[in-house]
N, C-alpha and C. Protein backbone atom coordinates (compact mmCIF):
# COMPACT_ATOMS: atom_id res chain seq x y z
N MET A 1 0.80 -1.15 0.00
CA MET A 1 0.00 -0.06 -0.05
C MET A 1 0.83 1.22 -0.07
N LEU A 2 0.54 2.23 -0.76
CA LEU A 2 1.23 3.46 -0.89
C LEU A 2 0.49 4.57 -0.15
N ALA A 3 1.11 5.14 0.82
CA ALA A 3 0.57 6.14 1.64
C ALA A 3 1.03 7.54 1.03
N SER A 4 0.03 8.43 0.84
CA SER A 4 0.48 9.63 0.25
C SER A 4 0.15 10.84 1.22
N SER A 5 0.86 11.87 0.98
CA SER A 5 0.75 13.01 1.92
C SER A 5 0.99 14.29 1.09
N ASN A 6 0.43 15.42 1.70
CA ASN A 6 0.68 16.68 1.14
C ASN A 6 2.00 17.31 1.75
N THR A 7 2.76 17.86 0.73
CA THR A 7 4.04 18.49 1.12
C THR A 7 3.76 19.92 1.59
N GLY A 8 4.30 20.29 2.83
CA GLY A 8 4.13 21.65 3.23
C GLY A 8 3.03 21.74 4.33
N PRO A 9 3.04 22.85 5.06
CA PRO A 9 2.11 23.06 6.19
C PRO A 9 0.72 23.28 5.59
N GLY A 10 -0.24 22.97 6.56
CA GLY A 10 -1.66 23.23 6.30
C GLY A 10 -2.37 23.47 7.64
N THR A 11 -3.50 24.15 7.49
CA THR A 11 -4.32 24.50 8.66
C THR A 11 -5.82 23.98 8.48
N TYR A 12 -6.29 23.24 9.44
CA TYR A 12 -7.56 22.59 9.30
C TYR A 12 -8.38 22.88 10.55
N GLY A 13 -9.70 23.01 10.30
CA GLY A 13 -10.64 23.37 11.50
C GLY A 13 -11.05 22.08 12.21
N ASP A 14 -11.76 22.30 13.25
CA ASP A 14 -12.27 21.17 14.04
C ASP A 14 -13.44 20.52 13.33
N GLY A 15 -13.85 19.26 13.57
CA GLY A 15 -15.04 18.67 12.93
C GLY A 15 -14.62 17.33 12.51
N ASN A 16 -15.44 16.82 11.56
CA ASN A 16 -15.36 15.49 11.06
C ASN A 16 -14.55 15.38 9.75
N GLN A 17 -14.12 16.51 9.40
CA GLN A 17 -13.37 16.40 8.00
C GLN A 17 -12.10 15.58 8.17
N GLN A 18 -11.64 15.09 7.07
CA GLN A 18 -10.44 14.32 7.02
C GLN A 18 -9.30 15.26 6.55
N SER A 19 -8.25 15.26 7.29
CA SER A 19 -7.09 16.04 6.89
C SER A 19 -5.96 15.12 6.47
N PRO A 20 -5.22 15.65 5.44
CA PRO A 20 -4.24 14.68 4.85
C PRO A 20 -3.01 14.53 5.68
N LEU A 21 -2.31 13.51 5.54
CA LEU A 21 -0.95 13.39 6.08
C LEU A 21 -0.05 14.55 5.66
N ARG A 22 0.94 15.01 6.45
CA ARG A 22 1.79 16.04 6.07
C ARG A 22 3.23 15.49 5.69
N GLY A 23 3.70 15.83 4.57
CA GLY A 23 4.95 15.29 4.13
C GLY A 23 6.02 16.37 4.05
N ALA A 24 7.33 15.95 4.06
CA ALA A 24 8.42 16.92 3.87
C ALA A 24 9.04 16.66 2.48
N ARG A 25 9.98 17.38 2.12
CA ARG A 25 10.54 17.38 0.81
C ARG A 25 11.47 16.14 0.49
N LEU A 26 11.80 15.42 1.53
CA LEU A 26 12.73 14.28 1.32
C LEU A 26 11.88 12.96 1.49
N GLY A 27 10.64 13.09 1.38
CA GLY A 27 9.67 11.94 1.50
C GLY A 27 9.42 11.43 2.84
N ASP A 28 9.71 12.27 3.85
CA ASP A 28 9.50 11.80 5.21
C ASP A 28 8.09 12.40 5.70
N LEU A 29 7.62 11.76 6.71
CA LEU A 29 6.31 11.99 7.22
C LEU A 29 6.49 12.96 8.39
N VAL A 30 5.80 14.08 8.51
CA VAL A 30 5.95 15.07 9.55
C VAL A 30 4.85 14.85 10.48
N THR A 31 5.25 14.66 11.80
CA THR A 31 4.31 14.44 12.96
C THR A 31 4.71 15.34 14.12
N SER A 32 3.83 15.50 15.12
CA SER A 32 4.10 16.27 16.27
C SER A 32 3.56 15.43 17.52
N ASP A 33 4.16 15.69 18.67
CA ASP A 33 3.70 14.97 19.93
C ASP A 33 2.44 15.76 20.42
N LEU A 34 1.43 15.02 20.80
CA LEU A 34 0.27 15.58 21.38
C LEU A 34 0.63 16.19 22.84
N ARG A 35 1.50 15.39 23.64
CA ARG A 35 1.95 15.85 24.85
C ARG A 35 3.43 15.67 24.75
N GLY A 36 4.13 15.61 25.91
CA GLY A 36 5.60 15.50 26.04
C GLY A 36 6.02 14.17 25.30
N ARG A 37 7.21 14.16 24.83
CA ARG A 37 7.67 13.19 23.88
C ARG A 37 7.63 11.78 24.57
N TYR A 38 7.79 11.67 25.93
CA TYR A 38 7.86 10.48 26.63
C TYR A 38 6.45 10.06 27.31
N ALA A 39 5.48 10.95 27.15
CA ALA A 39 4.20 10.71 27.90
C ALA A 39 3.52 9.46 27.39
N GLU A 40 3.44 9.24 26.17
CA GLU A 40 2.74 8.01 25.67
C GLU A 40 3.30 6.71 26.16
N ALA A 41 4.70 6.55 26.21
CA ALA A 41 5.31 5.50 26.73
C ALA A 41 5.16 5.36 28.20
N THR A 42 5.14 6.47 28.82
CA THR A 42 4.93 6.47 30.39
C THR A 42 3.51 6.03 30.66
N ARG A 43 2.47 6.64 29.92
CA ARG A 43 1.16 6.32 30.09
C ARG A 43 0.79 4.78 29.90
N THR A 44 1.60 4.21 28.93
CA THR A 44 1.27 2.79 28.64
C THR A 44 2.30 1.88 29.56
N LYS A 45 2.86 2.36 30.51
CA LYS A 45 3.64 1.78 31.54
C LYS A 45 4.96 1.02 30.98
N LEU A 46 5.50 1.69 29.89
CA LEU A 46 6.61 0.99 29.28
C LEU A 46 7.91 1.56 29.76
N ARG A 47 7.82 2.81 30.38
CA ARG A 47 9.11 3.48 30.77
C ARG A 47 9.30 3.19 32.25
N MET A 48 10.69 2.94 32.63
CA MET A 48 11.06 2.72 33.95
C MET A 48 12.24 3.71 34.37
N VAL A 49 12.36 3.87 35.65
CA VAL A 49 13.34 4.82 36.15
C VAL A 49 14.16 3.97 37.30
N GLY A 50 15.40 4.32 37.36
CA GLY A 50 16.21 3.65 38.35
C GLY A 50 17.23 4.73 38.84
N ALA A 51 17.36 4.83 40.24
CA ALA A 51 18.22 5.89 40.74
C ALA A 51 18.83 5.45 42.15
N ASN A 52 20.03 5.91 42.40
CA ASN A 52 20.69 5.77 43.69
C ASN A 52 19.73 6.44 44.75
N GLN A 53 19.33 5.76 45.72
CA GLN A 53 18.52 6.27 46.77
C GLN A 53 19.41 6.77 47.90
N ALA A 54 20.63 6.60 47.83
CA ALA A 54 21.64 7.23 48.75
C ALA A 54 22.90 7.37 48.02
N ALA A 55 23.89 8.28 48.46
CA ALA A 55 25.06 8.54 47.81
C ALA A 55 25.93 7.37 47.65
N VAL A 56 26.70 7.33 46.61
CA VAL A 56 27.53 6.25 46.22
C VAL A 56 28.93 6.72 45.78
N THR A 57 29.84 5.76 45.71
CA THR A 57 31.16 6.08 45.21
C THR A 57 31.33 5.13 44.02
N THR A 58 31.74 5.72 42.77
CA THR A 58 31.93 4.88 41.58
C THR A 58 33.23 4.16 41.69
N SER A 59 33.29 3.05 40.93
CA SER A 59 34.56 2.29 40.80
C SER A 59 35.36 3.04 39.74
N ALA A 60 36.58 2.75 39.57
CA ALA A 60 37.48 3.50 38.69
C ALA A 60 37.65 2.76 37.32
N GLY A 61 37.42 3.42 36.30
CA GLY A 61 37.76 2.92 34.99
C GLY A 61 36.90 1.64 34.65
N LEU A 62 37.43 0.70 34.06
CA LEU A 62 36.74 -0.57 33.50
C LEU A 62 36.87 -1.62 34.49
N ALA A 63 36.76 -1.39 35.88
CA ALA A 63 36.86 -2.44 36.78
C ALA A 63 35.58 -3.29 36.71
N THR A 64 35.76 -4.58 36.86
CA THR A 64 34.78 -5.62 36.93
C THR A 64 33.98 -5.50 38.29
N THR A 65 34.67 -5.08 39.34
CA THR A 65 34.04 -4.91 40.62
C THR A 65 33.32 -3.57 40.55
N ASN A 66 32.15 -3.50 40.14
CA ASN A 66 31.60 -2.26 39.57
C ASN A 66 30.65 -1.61 40.72
N THR A 67 30.82 -0.43 41.00
CA THR A 67 29.91 0.40 41.96
C THR A 67 29.56 1.73 41.33
N GLY A 68 28.46 2.20 41.72
CA GLY A 68 27.87 3.33 41.18
C GLY A 68 26.36 3.10 40.80
N LEU A 69 26.03 2.96 39.57
CA LEU A 69 24.72 2.48 39.22
C LEU A 69 24.79 1.65 37.97
N ILE A 70 24.22 0.44 38.05
CA ILE A 70 24.25 -0.48 36.90
C ILE A 70 22.82 -0.93 36.54
N LEU A 71 22.56 -0.91 35.21
CA LEU A 71 21.30 -1.31 34.71
C LEU A 71 21.52 -2.71 34.03
N PHE A 72 20.84 -3.85 34.42
CA PHE A 72 21.02 -5.10 33.92
C PHE A 72 19.71 -5.70 33.43
N ASN A 73 19.74 -6.25 32.20
CA ASN A 73 18.59 -6.97 31.59
C ASN A 73 18.72 -8.41 31.76
N PRO A 74 17.92 -9.02 32.59
CA PRO A 74 18.16 -10.52 32.89
C PRO A 74 18.12 -11.24 31.72
N VAL A 75 18.73 -12.51 31.70
CA VAL A 75 18.82 -13.49 30.60
C VAL A 75 17.46 -13.88 30.13
N GLY A 76 16.52 -14.08 30.99
CA GLY A 76 15.16 -14.54 30.72
C GLY A 76 14.25 -13.41 30.31
N SER A 77 14.69 -12.18 30.23
CA SER A 77 13.86 -11.03 29.88
C SER A 77 13.22 -11.22 28.56
N THR A 78 12.02 -10.66 28.26
CA THR A 78 11.34 -10.68 26.91
C THR A 78 11.32 -9.38 26.36
N VAL A 79 12.22 -8.38 26.89
CA VAL A 79 12.26 -7.14 26.30
C VAL A 79 13.60 -6.62 26.19
N ASN A 80 13.81 -5.53 25.27
CA ASN A 80 15.02 -4.81 25.18
C ASN A 80 14.85 -3.54 26.01
N LEU A 81 15.92 -3.09 26.65
CA LEU A 81 15.87 -1.88 27.40
C LEU A 81 16.39 -0.75 26.54
N GLU A 82 15.62 0.18 26.07
CA GLU A 82 15.95 1.27 25.31
C GLU A 82 16.17 2.44 26.18
N VAL A 83 17.40 2.88 26.41
CA VAL A 83 17.79 3.79 27.36
C VAL A 83 17.57 5.24 26.79
N ASP A 84 16.66 5.94 27.58
CA ASP A 84 16.36 7.37 27.21
C ASP A 84 17.33 8.39 27.86
N LYS A 85 17.56 8.34 29.04
CA LYS A 85 18.14 9.37 29.90
C LYS A 85 19.12 8.83 30.92
N VAL A 86 20.16 9.64 31.14
CA VAL A 86 21.03 9.24 32.27
C VAL A 86 21.22 10.65 33.06
N GLY A 87 21.19 10.48 34.41
CA GLY A 87 21.30 11.69 35.24
C GLY A 87 22.50 11.53 36.18
N ALA A 88 23.10 12.58 36.58
CA ALA A 88 24.29 12.57 37.54
C ALA A 88 24.26 13.72 38.44
N ALA A 89 24.70 13.65 39.71
CA ALA A 89 24.87 14.66 40.48
C ALA A 89 26.09 14.40 41.54
N PHE A 90 27.08 15.34 41.69
CA PHE A 90 28.21 15.19 42.49
C PHE A 90 28.17 16.18 43.55
N THR A 91 27.94 15.75 44.82
CA THR A 91 27.83 16.68 45.92
C THR A 91 29.07 16.94 46.76
N VAL A 92 30.16 16.27 46.47
CA VAL A 92 31.35 16.54 47.28
C VAL A 92 32.51 16.72 46.24
N VAL A 93 33.59 17.27 46.69
CA VAL A 93 34.78 17.50 45.85
C VAL A 93 35.36 16.19 45.33
N GLN A 94 35.70 16.25 44.07
CA GLN A 94 36.24 15.02 43.52
C GLN A 94 37.77 14.86 43.78
N ALA A 95 38.25 13.60 43.87
CA ALA A 95 39.63 13.37 44.21
C ALA A 95 40.55 13.64 43.07
N ALA A 96 40.05 13.54 41.82
CA ALA A 96 40.79 13.78 40.59
C ALA A 96 39.84 14.05 39.46
N VAL A 97 40.41 14.80 38.52
CA VAL A 97 39.66 14.99 37.23
C VAL A 97 39.46 13.71 36.63
N SER A 98 38.20 13.41 36.10
CA SER A 98 37.96 12.13 35.47
C SER A 98 36.90 12.37 34.32
N ALA A 99 37.14 11.28 33.35
CA ALA A 99 36.13 11.36 32.31
C ALA A 99 34.82 10.67 32.78
N PHE A 100 33.76 11.04 32.34
CA PHE A 100 32.48 10.48 32.87
C PHE A 100 31.60 10.11 31.65
N GLY A 101 31.00 8.88 31.73
CA GLY A 101 30.12 8.39 30.65
C GLY A 101 29.39 7.13 31.02
N ILE A 102 29.23 6.25 29.99
CA ILE A 102 28.51 4.95 30.16
C ILE A 102 29.33 3.89 29.61
N GLN A 103 29.54 2.87 30.46
CA GLN A 103 30.12 1.60 30.02
C GLN A 103 29.09 0.49 29.89
N GLY A 104 29.48 -0.56 29.34
CA GLY A 104 28.62 -1.70 29.14
C GLY A 104 29.21 -2.93 28.70
N GLY A 105 28.49 -4.02 28.81
CA GLY A 105 28.97 -5.29 28.33
C GLY A 105 27.79 -6.40 28.30
N PHE A 106 28.24 -7.53 27.92
CA PHE A 106 27.24 -8.67 27.84
C PHE A 106 27.65 -9.73 28.76
N ALA A 107 26.79 -10.05 29.74
CA ALA A 107 27.17 -11.03 30.73
C ALA A 107 26.68 -12.41 30.21
N GLY A 108 25.48 -12.49 29.79
CA GLY A 108 24.83 -13.78 29.35
C GLY A 108 24.37 -14.69 30.44
N ALA A 109 24.56 -14.18 31.66
CA ALA A 109 24.06 -14.94 32.93
C ALA A 109 23.91 -13.80 33.98
N ALA A 110 23.30 -14.26 35.11
CA ALA A 110 23.00 -13.36 36.17
C ALA A 110 24.37 -12.78 36.69
N LEU A 111 24.31 -11.49 37.10
CA LEU A 111 25.54 -10.86 37.61
C LEU A 111 25.58 -11.34 39.15
N ALA A 112 26.87 -11.29 39.49
CA ALA A 112 27.19 -11.73 40.88
C ALA A 112 27.43 -10.51 41.76
N GLY A 113 27.44 -10.69 43.05
CA GLY A 113 27.79 -9.69 44.01
C GLY A 113 26.98 -8.54 44.00
N VAL A 114 25.64 -8.63 43.74
CA VAL A 114 24.78 -7.51 43.41
C VAL A 114 24.28 -6.91 44.72
N THR A 115 24.08 -5.56 44.69
CA THR A 115 23.37 -4.82 45.71
C THR A 115 22.37 -4.06 45.04
N VAL A 116 21.09 -4.32 45.32
CA VAL A 116 19.87 -3.74 44.70
C VAL A 116 19.68 -2.24 45.08
N ASP A 117 19.32 -1.44 44.06
CA ASP A 117 18.94 -0.06 44.43
C ASP A 117 17.64 0.35 43.88
N GLY A 118 17.25 1.56 43.93
CA GLY A 118 15.81 1.94 43.55
C GLY A 118 15.40 1.77 42.15
N GLN A 119 14.40 1.10 41.84
CA GLN A 119 13.75 1.03 40.43
C GLN A 119 12.34 1.03 40.52
N TYR A 120 11.74 1.86 39.59
CA TYR A 120 10.27 2.14 39.67
C TYR A 120 9.78 2.24 38.16
N ASN A 121 8.54 2.13 38.09
CA ASN A 121 7.84 2.49 36.79
C ASN A 121 7.84 3.99 36.82
N ALA A 122 7.90 4.47 35.60
CA ALA A 122 7.83 6.03 35.38
C ALA A 122 6.44 6.58 35.74
N LEU A 123 5.39 5.65 35.46
CA LEU A 123 4.08 5.90 35.95
C LEU A 123 4.02 5.68 37.47
N VAL A 124 3.78 6.71 38.25
CA VAL A 124 3.75 6.53 39.69
C VAL A 124 2.88 5.43 40.08
N ASN A 125 3.38 4.46 40.83
CA ASN A 125 2.60 3.32 41.38
C ASN A 125 2.36 2.35 40.23
N GLY A 126 2.96 2.43 38.98
CA GLY A 126 2.91 1.38 37.99
C GLY A 126 3.75 0.20 38.32
N PRO A 127 3.59 -0.92 37.63
CA PRO A 127 4.24 -2.13 37.82
C PRO A 127 5.76 -2.00 37.50
N VAL A 128 6.68 -2.61 38.29
CA VAL A 128 7.96 -2.66 38.04
C VAL A 128 8.36 -3.49 36.89
N GLY A 129 9.25 -3.06 36.03
CA GLY A 129 9.53 -3.81 34.76
C GLY A 129 10.58 -4.93 34.99
N GLN A 130 11.15 -5.35 33.87
CA GLN A 130 12.11 -6.53 33.91
C GLN A 130 13.51 -6.09 34.10
N GLY A 131 13.92 -4.91 33.79
CA GLY A 131 15.24 -4.37 34.02
C GLY A 131 15.55 -4.29 35.49
N LEU A 132 16.82 -4.46 35.86
CA LEU A 132 17.22 -4.43 37.22
C LEU A 132 18.24 -3.34 37.53
N ILE A 133 18.16 -2.74 38.55
CA ILE A 133 19.02 -1.61 38.99
C ILE A 133 19.81 -2.09 40.16
N TYR A 134 21.16 -2.00 40.02
CA TYR A 134 22.11 -2.25 41.20
C TYR A 134 22.94 -1.06 41.41
N LYS A 135 23.50 -0.97 42.64
CA LYS A 135 24.49 0.06 42.96
C LYS A 135 25.83 -0.63 43.07
N ALA A 136 25.84 -2.01 43.04
CA ALA A 136 27.14 -2.74 43.06
C ALA A 136 26.83 -4.09 42.38
N ALA A 137 27.82 -4.54 41.51
CA ALA A 137 27.80 -5.87 40.85
C ALA A 137 29.07 -6.19 40.30
N THR A 138 29.29 -7.41 40.15
CA THR A 138 30.46 -7.90 39.40
C THR A 138 30.11 -8.09 37.94
N THR A 139 30.59 -7.20 37.05
CA THR A 139 30.23 -7.24 35.66
C THR A 139 31.36 -7.81 34.73
N VAL A 140 30.97 -8.00 33.51
CA VAL A 140 31.81 -8.84 32.65
C VAL A 140 32.21 -8.04 31.49
N ALA A 141 33.46 -8.15 31.15
CA ALA A 141 34.09 -7.52 29.95
C ALA A 141 33.51 -6.06 29.60
N PRO A 142 33.75 -5.05 30.50
CA PRO A 142 33.18 -3.75 30.32
C PRO A 142 34.03 -3.03 29.19
N VAL A 143 33.23 -2.26 28.32
CA VAL A 143 33.89 -1.42 27.38
C VAL A 143 33.16 -0.07 27.51
N ILE A 144 33.84 1.12 27.25
CA ILE A 144 33.19 2.43 27.17
C ILE A 144 32.21 2.53 26.05
N LYS A 145 30.97 2.88 26.30
CA LYS A 145 30.03 3.06 25.25
C LYS A 145 29.85 4.40 24.79
N LYS A 146 29.92 5.38 25.75
CA LYS A 146 29.63 6.86 25.39
C LYS A 146 30.28 7.70 26.52
N ILE A 147 31.02 8.70 26.10
CA ILE A 147 31.55 9.69 27.04
C ILE A 147 30.55 10.94 26.91
N LEU A 148 30.25 11.35 28.17
CA LEU A 148 29.21 12.46 28.39
C LEU A 148 29.99 13.74 28.80
N GLY A 149 31.15 13.65 29.32
CA GLY A 149 31.85 14.87 29.75
C GLY A 149 33.00 14.58 30.74
N ALA A 150 33.27 15.58 31.57
CA ALA A 150 34.42 15.36 32.56
C ALA A 150 33.95 15.98 33.87
N VAL A 151 34.39 15.31 34.99
CA VAL A 151 34.24 15.80 36.34
C VAL A 151 35.46 16.43 36.76
N ASN A 152 35.51 17.61 37.28
CA ASN A 152 36.71 18.23 37.77
C ASN A 152 36.74 18.30 39.31
N THR A 153 37.84 18.95 39.74
CA THR A 153 38.08 18.88 41.18
C THR A 153 37.70 20.15 42.00
N GLY A 154 36.85 20.98 41.35
CA GLY A 154 36.34 22.17 42.05
C GLY A 154 35.30 21.84 43.08
N ALA A 155 35.09 22.78 44.08
CA ALA A 155 34.15 22.56 45.02
C ALA A 155 32.77 22.46 44.49
N ALA A 156 31.91 21.60 44.95
CA ALA A 156 30.65 21.43 44.34
C ALA A 156 29.79 22.74 44.39
N THR A 157 30.05 23.65 45.25
CA THR A 157 29.26 24.89 45.28
C THR A 157 29.83 25.84 44.25
N VAL A 158 30.91 25.46 43.55
CA VAL A 158 31.56 26.46 42.52
C VAL A 158 31.31 25.86 41.14
N ASN A 159 31.87 24.72 41.03
CA ASN A 159 31.67 24.14 39.58
C ASN A 159 31.59 22.68 39.63
N GLY A 160 30.35 22.21 39.13
CA GLY A 160 30.05 20.74 39.14
C GLY A 160 29.95 20.30 37.65
N LEU A 161 29.22 19.23 37.41
CA LEU A 161 28.99 18.70 36.17
C LEU A 161 27.67 19.15 35.60
N VAL A 162 27.79 19.93 34.46
CA VAL A 162 26.56 20.61 33.87
C VAL A 162 26.54 20.15 32.40
N PRO A 163 25.41 19.67 31.91
CA PRO A 163 24.06 19.51 32.53
C PRO A 163 24.07 18.25 33.50
N GLY A 164 23.06 18.13 34.26
CA GLY A 164 22.91 16.96 35.08
C GLY A 164 22.10 15.85 34.53
N VAL A 165 21.42 16.03 33.42
CA VAL A 165 20.74 15.01 32.72
C VAL A 165 21.01 15.09 31.21
N TRP A 166 21.29 13.91 30.67
CA TRP A 166 21.49 13.79 29.20
C TRP A 166 20.46 12.93 28.60
N ASP A 167 19.97 13.36 27.43
CA ASP A 167 18.97 12.62 26.62
C ASP A 167 19.69 11.74 25.59
N LEU A 168 19.60 10.34 25.85
CA LEU A 168 20.26 9.45 24.98
C LEU A 168 19.47 9.14 23.68
N GLU A 169 18.07 9.38 23.83
CA GLU A 169 17.10 9.15 22.75
C GLU A 169 17.09 7.74 22.19
N GLY A 170 17.33 6.79 23.15
CA GLY A 170 17.26 5.44 22.76
C GLY A 170 18.52 4.95 22.01
N SER A 171 19.58 5.66 22.07
CA SER A 171 20.82 5.33 21.34
C SER A 171 21.63 4.19 21.84
N ILE A 172 21.22 3.80 23.13
CA ILE A 172 21.80 2.63 23.70
C ILE A 172 20.70 1.68 24.08
N ILE A 173 20.80 0.41 23.58
CA ILE A 173 19.75 -0.55 23.71
C ILE A 173 20.39 -1.82 24.56
N VAL A 174 19.86 -2.22 25.62
CA VAL A 174 20.38 -3.30 26.38
C VAL A 174 19.58 -4.61 26.06
N PRO A 175 20.07 -5.58 25.46
CA PRO A 175 19.37 -6.87 25.26
C PRO A 175 19.32 -7.74 26.49
N PRO A 176 18.61 -8.83 26.52
CA PRO A 176 18.72 -9.71 27.66
C PRO A 176 20.15 -10.33 27.76
N GLY A 177 20.59 -10.26 28.96
CA GLY A 177 21.99 -10.67 29.34
C GLY A 177 22.89 -9.58 29.20
N GLY A 178 22.55 -8.34 28.82
CA GLY A 178 23.46 -7.21 28.78
C GLY A 178 23.33 -6.23 29.86
N TRP A 179 24.22 -5.33 30.07
CA TRP A 179 24.19 -4.41 31.10
C TRP A 179 24.88 -3.07 30.73
N ILE A 180 24.56 -2.00 31.41
CA ILE A 180 25.32 -0.70 31.29
C ILE A 180 25.44 -0.28 32.69
N SER A 181 26.50 0.64 32.78
CA SER A 181 26.71 1.30 34.14
C SER A 181 27.34 2.68 33.95
N ILE A 182 27.30 3.44 35.04
CA ILE A 182 28.09 4.67 35.02
C ILE A 182 29.66 4.45 34.82
N TYR A 183 30.25 5.21 34.04
CA TYR A 183 31.82 5.10 33.88
C TYR A 183 32.33 6.41 34.36
N GLN A 184 33.38 6.15 35.27
CA GLN A 184 34.34 7.31 35.49
C GLN A 184 35.82 6.71 35.40
N SER A 185 36.65 7.55 34.88
CA SER A 185 38.00 7.09 34.65
C SER A 185 38.80 7.01 36.03
N SER A 186 38.37 7.67 37.02
CA SER A 186 38.89 7.53 38.37
C SER A 186 37.84 7.50 39.44
N VAL A 187 38.08 7.09 40.60
CA VAL A 187 37.05 6.82 41.64
C VAL A 187 36.38 8.24 41.93
N SER A 188 35.06 8.18 42.04
CA SER A 188 34.39 9.43 42.29
C SER A 188 34.46 9.72 43.81
N GLY A 189 34.03 11.03 44.16
CA GLY A 189 33.83 11.30 45.50
C GLY A 189 32.62 10.53 46.11
N GLY A 190 32.48 10.49 47.46
CA GLY A 190 31.48 9.61 47.96
C GLY A 190 30.09 10.22 48.01
N GLY A 191 29.87 11.42 47.39
CA GLY A 191 28.51 12.04 47.52
C GLY A 191 27.91 12.06 46.05
N SER A 192 28.02 10.95 45.29
CA SER A 192 27.55 10.83 43.96
C SER A 192 26.21 10.21 43.87
N PHE A 193 25.36 10.73 42.97
CA PHE A 193 23.94 10.09 42.70
C PHE A 193 23.86 9.92 41.15
N PHE A 194 23.23 8.82 40.77
CA PHE A 194 23.06 8.69 39.22
C PHE A 194 21.58 8.16 39.07
N SER A 195 21.18 8.23 37.82
CA SER A 195 19.90 7.75 37.38
C SER A 195 19.87 7.23 35.99
N PHE A 196 19.09 6.23 35.65
CA PHE A 196 18.86 5.85 34.30
C PHE A 196 17.28 5.82 34.09
N GLU A 197 16.91 6.22 32.85
CA GLU A 197 15.47 6.03 32.41
C GLU A 197 15.44 5.27 31.19
N TRP A 198 14.53 4.29 31.00
CA TRP A 198 14.50 3.45 29.86
C TRP A 198 13.10 2.94 29.58
N ALA A 199 12.91 2.54 28.28
CA ALA A 199 11.60 2.04 27.94
C ALA A 199 11.91 0.51 27.68
N GLU A 200 10.91 -0.38 28.06
CA GLU A 200 11.02 -1.74 27.93
C GLU A 200 10.13 -2.18 26.78
N VAL A 201 10.84 -2.67 25.63
CA VAL A 201 10.22 -2.80 24.35
C VAL A 201 10.22 -4.35 23.98
N GLN A 202 9.11 -4.88 23.72
CA GLN A 202 9.07 -6.38 23.37
C GLN A 202 10.03 -6.69 22.26
N ILE A 203 10.71 -7.84 22.47
CA ILE A 203 11.66 -8.28 21.37
C ILE A 203 10.93 -8.84 20.27
């Protein structure tokens, strides 16, 4: 079936009339959100959030004894975790300047040495999903996936990490057996907090 559209903007009144699809000059379909871009996925209970409920210290570099915040998709999961956002806050002076970002890997089995942290449905009081949030775990074969910036050694009241939330727009997807976590090239100060937001999409 060939779907057709009108190229260029148009204005249509309320009522039962049919309005055509709107196209752009490269053959793409132009749409807009009725509400916020994540509202529909949240309303349908597909989006999850996980965050440190108390301050943590990250492990340094690609250590397999991993602390900070880890998002794991269990082997028996029936969904991919499409990561939307990552958040960070550093409330104490850092010991050293460090690169900051996201690392990840594929375990193919349950992670060992885990300490569970806060995970919730983005719809308040909605059901918890299949992805798991840890503040400590033994991870497997970590590699750096994305660098988001650097954390410096200035006082938290003077210069911290800005912005505190990054929109990944689903550019990292964690399949069953996979994991991602916060990456810092050196150990963080003890007053660190992190968060992940993701959508759980059927495979």
